[in-house]
């Protein structure tokens, strides 16, 4: 009797990335531990945030690996890494609370602590409860950028200013961070819906190219100096603070040639959008092939821009157009520029993932109807939180300043955010809006949220300048 032919063993395709990510996490934690041994201070906020960054980065790599290969084991270990990052994130919040003596809600740094924590929680909820396992490919990069930004922002504990010495601070900011994290999750779900709803890949090309173009255009238009330099805020390393010429007037230094690099990157980043426009105008898909190649080239140049910005901004003394002498600068003086540049790389990489693996991504996602429904549920959670945030803020403002509403820029943009999501719910309930129109509303809403959170704070100072 002939032997039955042995079936070939299936290769264990799920272990390589897991082992590499595990070794990277172990190595980084070990190196951090050696530094801690030298300093003798283990459980401080810096170490806890570094551990948070390591675990969230490992989770992001594994979620991305799942999106590329569909290997289920990647999700299990990505969830584990997210849980570990969440624990470190929680410990950092608790440490900050203990050191400051109040709930850590009094600055952008402290609010980011809560925002990133909530985003990680909602990522795990969406993955476990609703089966959106690919959600981490979008939410984890946002969390990583948030933690990187926290490393650059000022972290000193200061006594609360009189306006913040109120229980309503805890209520108002807690509601804001929960709402903003829910809005971030609805954005990710809306993007997943568009993928599953067979939105053309070139549409994503146009959106991602426009987003990166906006990042570099804002840098070049606001910071480019004559002779090709880039204007950055001067930094006082002894006091760990920005340098001011006078009250409210920052001192800017000019980093030579960095402006030319940003301008070149801007032109290359714009090229996919130009090719997309030509493809639509000429009705010739060959331009889309050129656009996709241009995306790859733009990623290489964006990475170079990020590296050069880090090298030049973190070390060196540069002249100023405002006064004589050489002055240092630091990444801590320009955290939002760095975050924008890193965010541009993430956006472009996510488009490449979609371009190369779209059929696999669609197979891994829930149905379009389910994604549409989950997005709606998430916004149904975010909207009452936004409403209570505005109501509590108005009551607190009346107690503090004697007026419920002052048309402060932060108040105005919070109202705009509320109106966008109110419009989403109104059109869905009364007009039956579903599908792409609803998804576009969710995406626009999150863009407004990000401007309200970051842009207003630094571009339109007002009564909320301390936030």
Protein backbone atom coordinates (compact mmCIF):
# COMPACT_ATOMS: atom_id res chain seq x y z
CA UNK A 1 0.00 0.00 0.00
CA UNK A 2 1.49 3.26 -1.09
CA UNK A 3 2.16 5.86 1.50
CA UNK A 4 -0.07 8.84 1.49
CA UNK A 5 1.77 11.78 0.09
CA UNK A 6 2.72 14.11 2.92
CA UNK A 7 1.20 17.55 2.64
CA UNK A 8 3.79 20.31 2.45
CA UNK A 9 4.05 22.35 5.58
CA UNK A 10 2.75 25.90 5.32
CA UNK A 11 5.40 28.47 6.02
CA UNK A 12 4.89 30.48 9.16
CA UNK A 13 4.49 33.82 7.47
CA UNK A 14 3.25 35.53 10.59
CA UNK A 15 6.35 35.38 12.76
CA UNK A 16 9.03 37.38 10.95
CA UNK A 17 7.58 40.85 11.52
CA UNK A 18 6.46 39.93 15.05
CA UNK A 19 9.99 38.83 15.97
CA UNK A 20 11.55 41.95 14.39
CA UNK A 21 9.15 44.31 16.15
CA UNK A 22 9.56 42.42 19.44
CA UNK A 23 13.34 42.60 19.22
CA UNK A 24 13.21 46.31 18.38
CA UNK A 25 10.93 47.01 21.36
CA UNK A 26 13.11 44.92 23.68
CA UNK A 27 16.30 46.63 22.46
CA UNK A 28 14.89 50.15 22.85
CA UNK A 29 13.51 49.38 26.30
CA UNK A 30 16.84 47.87 27.33
CA UNK A 31 18.76 50.94 26.14
CA UNK A 32 16.30 53.15 27.98
CA UNK A 33 16.75 51.03 31.10
CA UNK A 34 20.54 51.48 30.95
CA UNK A 35 20.07 55.25 30.85
CA UNK A 36 17.65 55.01 33.76
CA UNK A 37 20.16 53.01 35.80
CA UNK A 38 22.70 55.80 35.30
CA UNK A 39 20.24 58.49 36.35
CA UNK A 40 18.68 56.43 39.14
CA UNK A 41 15.17 57.65 38.30
CA UNK A 42 12.99 54.94 36.80
CA UNK A 43 9.36 56.02 36.96
CA UNK A 44 9.48 59.55 35.66
CA UNK A 45 7.26 61.08 33.01
CA UNK A 46 9.92 61.15 30.30
CA UNK A 47 10.61 57.41 30.62
CA UNK A 48 6.92 56.55 30.66
CA UNK A 49 6.28 58.60 27.52
CA UNK A 50 9.27 56.99 25.82
CA UNK A 51 7.83 53.56 26.64
CA UNK A 52 4.46 54.74 25.31
CA UNK A 53 6.10 55.81 22.05
CA UNK A 54 7.93 52.48 21.71
CA UNK A 55 4.80 50.37 22.20
CA UNK A 56 2.57 52.54 20.02
CA UNK A 57 5.21 52.47 17.28
CA UNK A 58 5.42 48.68 17.53
CA UNK A 59 1.64 48.47 17.35
CA UNK A 60 1.60 50.77 14.32
CA UNK A 61 4.16 48.60 12.52
CA UNK A 62 2.16 45.44 13.21
CA UNK A 63 -1.15 47.02 12.18
CA UNK A 64 0.54 48.13 8.98
CA UNK A 65 1.89 44.61 8.51
CA UNK A 66 -1.64 43.26 8.90
CA UNK A 67 -2.89 45.72 6.31
CA UNK A 68 -0.23 44.57 3.87
CA UNK A 69 -0.38 40.82 4.41
CA UNK A 70 -3.68 40.08 6.18
CA UNK A 71 -1.84 37.89 8.72
CA UNK A 72 -4.17 37.54 11.73
CA UNK A 73 -1.36 37.03 14.24
CA UNK A 74 -0.14 40.57 13.53
CA UNK A 75 -3.39 42.00 14.90
CA UNK A 76 -3.14 39.98 18.12
CA UNK A 77 0.34 41.27 18.86
CA UNK A 78 -0.56 44.78 17.67
CA UNK A 79 -3.41 44.79 20.20
CA UNK A 80 -1.00 43.59 22.90
CA UNK A 81 1.45 46.39 22.05
CA UNK A 82 -1.41 48.91 22.09
CA UNK A 83 -2.47 47.67 25.54
CA UNK A 84 1.10 47.99 26.84
CA UNK A 85 1.39 51.48 25.35
CA UNK A 86 -1.94 52.35 26.94
CA UNK A 87 -0.67 51.23 30.34
CA UNK A 88 2.46 53.37 29.97
CA UNK A 89 0.28 56.26 28.75
CA UNK A 90 -1.96 55.84 31.81
CA UNK A 91 1.04 55.81 34.12
CA UNK A 92 2.34 59.02 32.50
CA UNK A 93 -1.03 60.71 33.10
CA UNK A 94 -1.07 59.51 36.72
CA UNK A 95 2.50 60.72 37.26
CA UNK A 96 1.66 64.14 35.80
CA UNK A 97 -1.44 64.36 37.98
CA UNK A 98 0.59 63.50 41.08
CA UNK A 99 3.40 65.96 40.28
CA UNK A 100 1.12 68.87 39.38
CA UNK A 101 -1.48 68.30 42.08
CA UNK A 102 -4.31 68.76 39.59
CA UNK A 103 -5.87 66.91 36.67
CA UNK A 104 -3.44 67.29 33.72
CA UNK A 105 -5.65 69.43 31.48
CA UNK A 106 -4.00 72.86 31.68
CA UNK A 107 -1.81 72.91 28.51
CA UNK A 108 -1.59 71.46 25.01
CA UNK A 109 0.98 68.95 26.29
CA UNK A 110 -1.34 67.71 29.02
CA UNK A 111 -4.36 67.60 26.73
CA UNK A 112 -2.39 65.55 24.20
CA UNK A 113 -1.71 63.03 26.97
CA UNK A 114 -5.45 62.51 27.31
CA UNK A 115 -6.18 62.70 23.57
CA UNK A 116 -3.68 59.97 22.68
CA UNK A 117 -4.88 57.80 25.58
CA UNK A 118 -8.52 58.08 24.46
CA UNK A 119 -7.59 57.40 20.82
CA UNK A 120 -5.81 54.18 21.84
CA UNK A 121 -8.84 53.08 23.88
CA UNK A 122 -11.23 53.75 20.99
CA UNK A 123 -8.91 51.90 18.60
CA UNK A 124 -9.13 48.79 20.77
CA UNK A 125 -12.92 49.18 21.06
CA UNK A 126 -13.36 49.51 17.28
CA UNK A 127 -11.13 46.50 16.73
CA UNK A 128 -12.69 44.22 19.33
CA UNK A 129 -16.35 45.23 19.29
CA UNK A 130 -16.86 46.14 15.65
CA UNK A 131 -14.19 44.02 13.97
CA UNK A 132 -12.45 46.92 12.19
CA UNK A 133 -9.02 45.36 12.53
CA UNK A 134 -7.29 47.67 10.05
CA UNK A 135 -8.29 50.79 12.00
CA UNK A 136 -4.89 50.89 13.72
CA UNK A 137 -3.15 51.64 10.41
CA UNK A 138 -4.73 55.13 10.62
CA UNK A 139 -5.18 55.77 14.35
CA UNK A 140 -1.79 54.55 15.54
CA UNK A 141 0.19 56.93 13.28
CA UNK A 142 -1.95 59.77 14.71
CA UNK A 143 -1.12 58.55 18.24
CA UNK A 144 2.59 58.28 17.37
CA UNK A 145 2.68 61.84 16.01
CA UNK A 146 0.89 62.97 19.17
CA UNK A 147 3.49 61.36 21.45
CA UNK A 148 6.36 62.74 19.35
CA UNK A 149 4.78 66.18 19.65
CA UNK A 150 4.60 65.77 23.43
CA UNK A 151 8.34 65.09 23.49
CA UNK A 152 8.91 68.53 21.98
CA UNK A 153 6.39 70.65 23.86
CA UNK A 154 7.25 72.30 27.15
CA UNK A 155 6.59 69.90 30.01
CA UNK A 156 7.32 72.00 33.09
CA UNK A 157 4.69 71.88 35.82
CA UNK A 158 3.37 75.36 36.54
CA UNK A 159 0.76 76.53 39.05
CA UNK A 160 -2.66 76.95 37.50
CA UNK A 161 -3.49 80.48 36.43
CA UNK A 162 -6.56 81.87 38.23
CA UNK A 163 -8.84 81.25 35.23
CA UNK A 164 -8.03 77.53 35.38
CA UNK A 165 -8.53 77.05 39.10
CA UNK A 166 -11.98 75.53 38.76
CA UNK A 167 -13.57 72.10 38.81
CA UNK A 168 -15.06 73.00 35.44
CA UNK A 169 -11.56 72.72 33.95
CA UNK A 170 -11.70 68.96 34.53
CA UNK A 171 -15.19 68.65 33.08
CA UNK A 172 -14.65 70.89 30.06
CA UNK A 173 -11.30 69.50 28.90
CA UNK A 174 -12.22 65.86 29.61
CA UNK A 175 -15.28 66.26 27.38
CA UNK A 176 -13.16 67.96 24.71
CA UNK A 177 -10.54 65.21 24.59
CA UNK A 178 -13.16 62.44 24.51
CA UNK A 179 -15.01 64.24 21.73
CA UNK A 180 -11.89 64.92 19.68
CA UNK A 181 -10.72 61.31 19.95
CA UNK A 182 -14.16 60.11 18.83
CA UNK A 183 -13.94 62.52 15.88
CA UNK A 184 -10.52 61.06 15.00
CA UNK A 185 -11.98 57.56 15.05
CA UNK A 186 -14.92 58.63 12.87
CA UNK A 187 -12.40 60.07 10.40
CA UNK A 188 -10.53 56.77 10.21
CA UNK A 189 -13.78 54.83 9.79
CA UNK A 190 -14.94 57.21 7.05
CA UNK A 191 -11.68 56.63 5.17
CA UNK A 192 -12.17 52.87 5.51
CA UNK A 193 -15.72 53.26 4.20
CA UNK A 194 -14.50 55.07 1.10
CA UNK A 195 -12.10 52.21 0.41
CA UNK A 196 -14.84 49.61 0.79
CA UNK A 197 -17.33 51.70 -1.22
CA UNK A 198 -15.07 51.45 -4.29
CA UNK A 199 -14.09 55.10 -4.33
CA UNK A 200 -11.48 55.44 -7.07
CA UNK A 201 -7.89 55.13 -5.93
CA UNK A 202 -7.02 58.32 -7.82
CA UNK A 203 -9.48 60.20 -5.59
CA UNK A 204 -7.37 59.19 -2.59
CA UNK A 205 -4.32 60.29 -4.59
CA UNK A 206 -5.80 63.76 -4.99
CA UNK A 207 -6.75 64.04 -1.30
CA UNK A 208 -3.43 62.81 0.10
CA UNK A 209 -1.42 64.93 -2.34
CA UNK A 210 -3.49 68.00 -1.46
CA UNK A 211 -2.93 67.32 2.26
CA UNK A 212 0.86 67.07 1.95
CA UNK A 213 0.86 70.06 -0.39
CA UNK A 214 -0.99 72.09 2.27
CA UNK A 215 1.61 71.11 4.89
CA UNK A 216 4.62 72.22 2.83
CA UNK A 217 2.85 75.28 1.42
CA UNK A 218 2.11 76.49 4.96
CA UNK A 219 5.77 76.01 5.94
CA UNK A 220 7.20 77.71 2.85
CA UNK A 221 4.71 80.58 2.74
CA UNK A 222 5.13 81.46 6.40
CA UNK A 223 8.80 80.63 7.07
CA UNK A 224 10.76 81.05 3.78
CA UNK A 225 13.33 83.85 4.01
CA UNK A 226 15.34 85.59 1.32
CA UNK A 227 18.44 83.78 0.08
CA UNK A 228 16.66 80.47 0.68
CA UNK A 229 16.75 80.27 4.46
CA UNK A 230 14.03 78.92 6.75
CA UNK A 231 12.85 81.05 9.65
CA UNK A 232 12.63 79.25 13.01
CA UNK A 233 12.03 80.47 16.55
CA UNK A 234 15.17 80.98 18.65
CA UNK A 235 15.48 78.81 21.76
CA UNK A 236 17.05 79.44 25.14
CA UNK A 237 18.52 76.06 26.23
CA UNK A 238 19.18 77.21 29.80
CA UNK A 239 15.63 78.34 30.44
CA UNK A 240 14.16 75.81 28.00
CA UNK A 241 11.93 78.43 26.48
CA UNK A 242 11.50 80.50 23.34
CA UNK A 243 13.43 83.74 23.01
CA UNK A 244 11.36 86.93 22.85
CA UNK A 245 12.44 90.31 21.50
CA UNK A 246 9.67 91.97 23.48
CA UNK A 247 6.43 90.94 25.12
CA UNK A 248 4.65 88.58 22.72
CA UNK A 249 7.22 89.07 19.92
CA UNK A 250 9.35 85.98 19.25
CA UNK A 251 12.90 86.15 17.97
CA UNK A 252 13.35 84.25 14.70
CA UNK A 253 16.62 82.89 13.30
CA UNK A 254 17.29 81.93 9.69
CA UNK A 255 18.63 78.44 8.93
CA UNK A 256 20.56 78.73 5.63
CA UNK A 257 19.41 76.73 2.56
CA UNK A 258 16.69 74.83 4.44
CA UNK A 259 14.07 77.01 2.76
CA UNK A 260 15.24 75.88 -0.67
CA UNK A 261 14.91 72.24 0.36
CA UNK A 262 11.36 72.83 1.63
CA UNK A 263 10.49 74.65 -1.61
CA UNK A 264 11.87 71.80 -3.74
CA UNK A 265 9.90 69.31 -1.64
CA UNK A 266 6.79 71.47 -2.09
CA UNK A 267 7.16 71.34 -5.87
CA UNK A 268 7.69 67.56 -5.90
CA UNK A 269 4.79 67.00 -3.50
CA UNK A 270 2.58 69.09 -5.81
CA UNK A 271 3.50 67.04 -8.90
CA UNK A 272 1.12 64.08 -8.22
CA UNK A 273 -1.75 66.54 -7.93
CA UNK A 274 -0.70 68.17 -11.23
CA UNK A 275 -0.58 64.78 -12.98
CA UNK A 276 -3.97 63.91 -11.50
CA UNK A 277 -5.39 67.14 -12.89
CA UNK A 278 -3.90 66.39 -16.32
CA UNK A 279 -5.38 62.89 -16.24
CA UNK A 280 -8.84 64.32 -15.57
CA UNK A 281 -8.46 67.10 -18.13
CA UNK A 282 -6.93 64.99 -20.92
CA UNK A 283 -8.90 61.86 -19.97
CA UNK A 284 -5.63 59.95 -20.18
CA UNK A 285 -4.85 57.39 -17.47
CA UNK A 286 -1.16 57.34 -18.35
CA UNK A 287 -0.82 60.52 -16.30
CA UNK A 288 -2.04 58.57 -13.26
CA UNK A 289 0.90 56.19 -13.64
CA UNK A 290 3.21 59.21 -13.61
CA UNK A 291 1.34 60.56 -10.56
CA UNK A 292 1.90 57.34 -8.61
CA UNK A 293 5.60 57.37 -9.47
CA UNK A 294 5.75 60.99 -8.36
CA UNK A 295 4.25 59.97 -4.99
CA UNK A 296 7.13 57.55 -4.43
CA UNK A 297 9.64 60.28 -5.33
CA UNK A 298 7.88 62.74 -3.04
CA UNK A 299 8.15 60.31 -0.11
CA UNK A 300 11.91 60.05 -0.60
CA UNK A 301 12.24 63.83 -0.68
CA UNK A 302 9.92 64.25 2.31
CA UNK A 303 12.05 61.86 4.35
CA UNK A 304 15.14 63.86 3.34
CA UNK A 305 13.38 67.09 4.38
CA UNK A 306 12.46 65.63 7.77
CA UNK A 307 16.02 64.38 8.38
CA UNK A 308 17.60 67.66 7.34
CA UNK A 309 15.13 69.66 9.43
CA UNK A 310 15.93 67.55 12.50
CA UNK A 311 19.69 67.85 11.97
CA UNK A 312 19.70 71.58 11.29
CA UNK A 313 17.05 72.64 13.81
CA UNK A 314 18.34 70.55 16.71
CA UNK A 315 21.97 71.66 16.54
CA UNK A 316 23.57 74.93 15.56
CA UNK A 317 23.49 78.68 16.06
CA UNK A 318 22.09 80.90 13.35
CA UNK A 319 21.78 84.62 12.56
CA UNK A 320 18.59 86.63 12.91
CA UNK A 321 17.19 89.30 10.61
CA UNK A 322 15.88 91.16 13.67
CA UNK A 323 19.07 91.66 15.68
CA UNK A 324 22.83 91.04 15.60
CA UNK A 325 24.45 87.83 16.84
CA UNK A 326 24.01 84.09 16.55
CA UNK A 327 21.23 82.32 18.39
CA UNK A 328 20.44 78.62 18.91
CA UNK A 329 17.20 76.98 17.93
CA UNK A 330 15.67 73.64 18.85
CA UNK A 331 13.07 71.15 17.70
CA UNK A 332 11.16 72.12 20.84
CA UNK A 333 10.81 75.62 19.37
CA UNK A 334 9.11 74.31 16.22
CA UNK A 335 7.14 71.22 17.30
CA UNK A 336 4.24 71.71 14.92
CA UNK A 337 6.46 72.10 11.87
CA UNK A 338 8.14 68.78 12.67
CA UNK A 339 4.80 67.10 13.37
CA UNK A 340 3.43 68.36 10.07
CA UNK A 341 6.44 67.06 8.14
CA UNK A 342 6.24 63.65 9.83
CA UNK A 343 2.48 63.60 9.27
CA UNK A 344 3.04 64.22 5.56
CA UNK A 345 5.25 61.15 5.33
CA UNK A 346 2.61 59.03 7.11
CA UNK A 347 -0.13 60.29 4.79
CA UNK A 348 1.89 59.44 1.69
CA UNK A 349 2.82 55.99 3.03
CA UNK A 350 -0.83 55.20 3.75
CA UNK A 351 -1.66 56.08 0.15
CA UNK A 352 1.06 53.71 -1.08
CA UNK A 353 -0.41 50.99 1.12
CA UNK A 354 -3.79 51.60 -0.50
CA UNK A 355 -2.31 51.67 -3.99
CA UNK A 356 -0.40 48.43 -3.63
CA UNK A 357 -2.75 46.40 -1.45
CA UNK A 358 -6.24 47.75 -2.05
CA UNK A 359 -7.92 44.38 -2.85
CA UNK A 360 -6.44 42.88 0.33
CA UNK A 361 -7.51 45.88 2.42
CA UNK A 362 -11.06 45.67 1.09
CA UNK A 363 -11.15 41.97 1.97
CA UNK A 364 -10.02 42.68 5.55
CA UNK A 365 -12.60 45.41 6.19
CA UNK A 366 -16.21 45.03 7.30
CA UNK A 367 -18.86 45.75 4.68
CA UNK A 368 -19.47 49.32 3.53
CA UNK A 369 -22.86 49.34 5.25
CA UNK A 370 -21.33 48.28 8.55
CA UNK A 371 -18.60 50.91 8.30
CA UNK A 372 -21.16 53.58 7.50
CA UNK A 373 -23.21 52.53 10.52
CA UNK A 374 -20.19 52.46 12.85
CA UNK A 375 -19.11 55.91 11.66
CA UNK A 376 -22.61 57.18 12.45
CA UNK A 377 -22.52 55.62 15.93
CA UNK A 378 -19.12 57.18 16.60
CA UNK A 379 -20.37 60.64 15.62
CA UNK A 380 -23.47 60.05 17.74
CA UNK A 381 -21.00 59.64 20.62
CA UNK A 382 -18.87 62.64 19.63
CA UNK A 383 -21.71 65.13 19.08
CA UNK A 384 -23.22 65.11 22.60
CA UNK A 385 -19.68 65.30 24.00
CA UNK A 386 -19.04 68.39 21.85
CA UNK A 387 -22.36 69.84 22.99
CA UNK A 388 -21.59 69.29 26.67
CA UNK A 389 -18.05 70.62 26.12
CA UNK A 390 -19.40 73.91 24.74
CA UNK A 391 -22.12 74.16 27.41
CA UNK A 392 -19.70 73.52 30.28
CA UNK A 393 -17.20 75.97 28.76
CA UNK A 394 -19.89 78.65 28.48
CA UNK A 395 -20.95 78.15 32.11
CA UNK A 396 -17.31 78.22 33.24
CA UNK A 397 -16.64 81.36 31.18
CA UNK A 398 -19.58 83.11 32.82
CA UNK A 399 -18.23 82.24 36.25
CA UNK A 400 -14.71 83.41 35.33
CA UNK A 401 -15.21 86.36 32.97
CA UNK A 402 -18.86 87.26 33.56
CA UNK A 403 -19.98 86.33 30.05
CA UNK A 404 -21.22 83.08 28.55
CA UNK A 405 -19.78 83.80 25.11
CA UNK A 406 -17.00 86.21 24.07
CA UNK A 407 -16.45 85.20 20.42
CA UNK A 408 -12.94 84.16 21.34
CA UNK A 409 -11.28 82.33 18.36
CA UNK A 410 -11.34 79.03 20.26
CA UNK A 411 -15.02 79.46 21.09
CA UNK A 412 -15.85 80.41 17.51
CA UNK A 413 -14.09 77.41 16.00
CA UNK A 414 -15.58 75.09 18.62
CA UNK A 415 -18.98 76.33 17.46
CA UNK A 416 -18.00 75.73 13.82
CA UNK A 417 -16.96 72.18 14.73
CA UNK A 418 -20.30 71.63 16.45
CA UNK A 419 -22.18 72.96 13.41
CA UNK A 420 -20.33 70.62 11.04
CA UNK A 421 -21.27 67.55 13.05
CA UNK A 422 -24.77 68.90 13.66
CA UNK A 423 -25.06 69.21 9.88
CA UNK A 424 -23.94 65.60 9.50
CA UNK A 425 -26.60 64.33 11.89
CA UNK A 426 -29.29 66.62 10.49
CA UNK A 427 -28.72 65.53 6.90
CA UNK A 428 -28.56 61.87 7.89
CA UNK A 429 -31.75 61.92 9.98
CA UNK A 430 -33.90 64.25 7.87
CA UNK A 431 -32.54 63.68 4.36
CA UNK A 432 -31.34 60.12 4.74
CA UNK A 433 -27.77 60.90 3.79
CA UNK A 434 -25.67 57.76 3.78
CA UNK A 435 -22.51 56.61 2.10
CA UNK A 436 -19.96 58.93 0.57
CA UNK A 437 -21.62 62.24 1.35
CA UNK A 438 -21.77 61.29 5.03
CA UNK A 439 -18.15 60.08 4.92
CA UNK A 440 -16.99 63.37 3.41
CA UNK A 441 -18.80 65.21 6.21
CA UNK A 442 -16.93 63.12 8.81
CA UNK A 443 -13.58 63.80 7.14
CA UNK A 444 -14.20 67.55 6.91
CA UNK A 445 -15.34 67.56 10.53
CA UNK A 446 -12.07 66.04 11.73
CA UNK A 447 -10.06 68.59 9.71
CA UNK A 448 -11.98 71.36 11.52
CA UNK A 449 -11.33 69.61 14.86
CA UNK A 450 -7.58 69.55 14.21
CA UNK A 451 -7.55 73.25 13.34
CA UNK A 452 -9.57 74.02 16.46
CA UNK A 453 -7.21 71.96 18.62
CA UNK A 454 -3.85 73.10 17.21
CA UNK A 455 -4.26 75.87 14.65
CA UNK A 456 -6.37 78.23 16.73
CA UNK A 457 -4.10 77.86 19.75
CA UNK A 458 -1.00 79.05 17.91
CA UNK A 459 -2.36 81.12 15.02
CA UNK A 460 -5.32 82.90 16.59
CA UNK A 461 -4.44 83.62 20.23
CA UNK A 462 -7.20 84.77 22.54
CA UNK A 463 -8.60 83.98 25.96
CA UNK A 464 -7.59 80.34 25.42
CA UNK A 465 -3.95 81.19 24.67
CA UNK A 466 -2.76 79.13 27.64
CA UNK A 467 -4.40 76.02 26.11
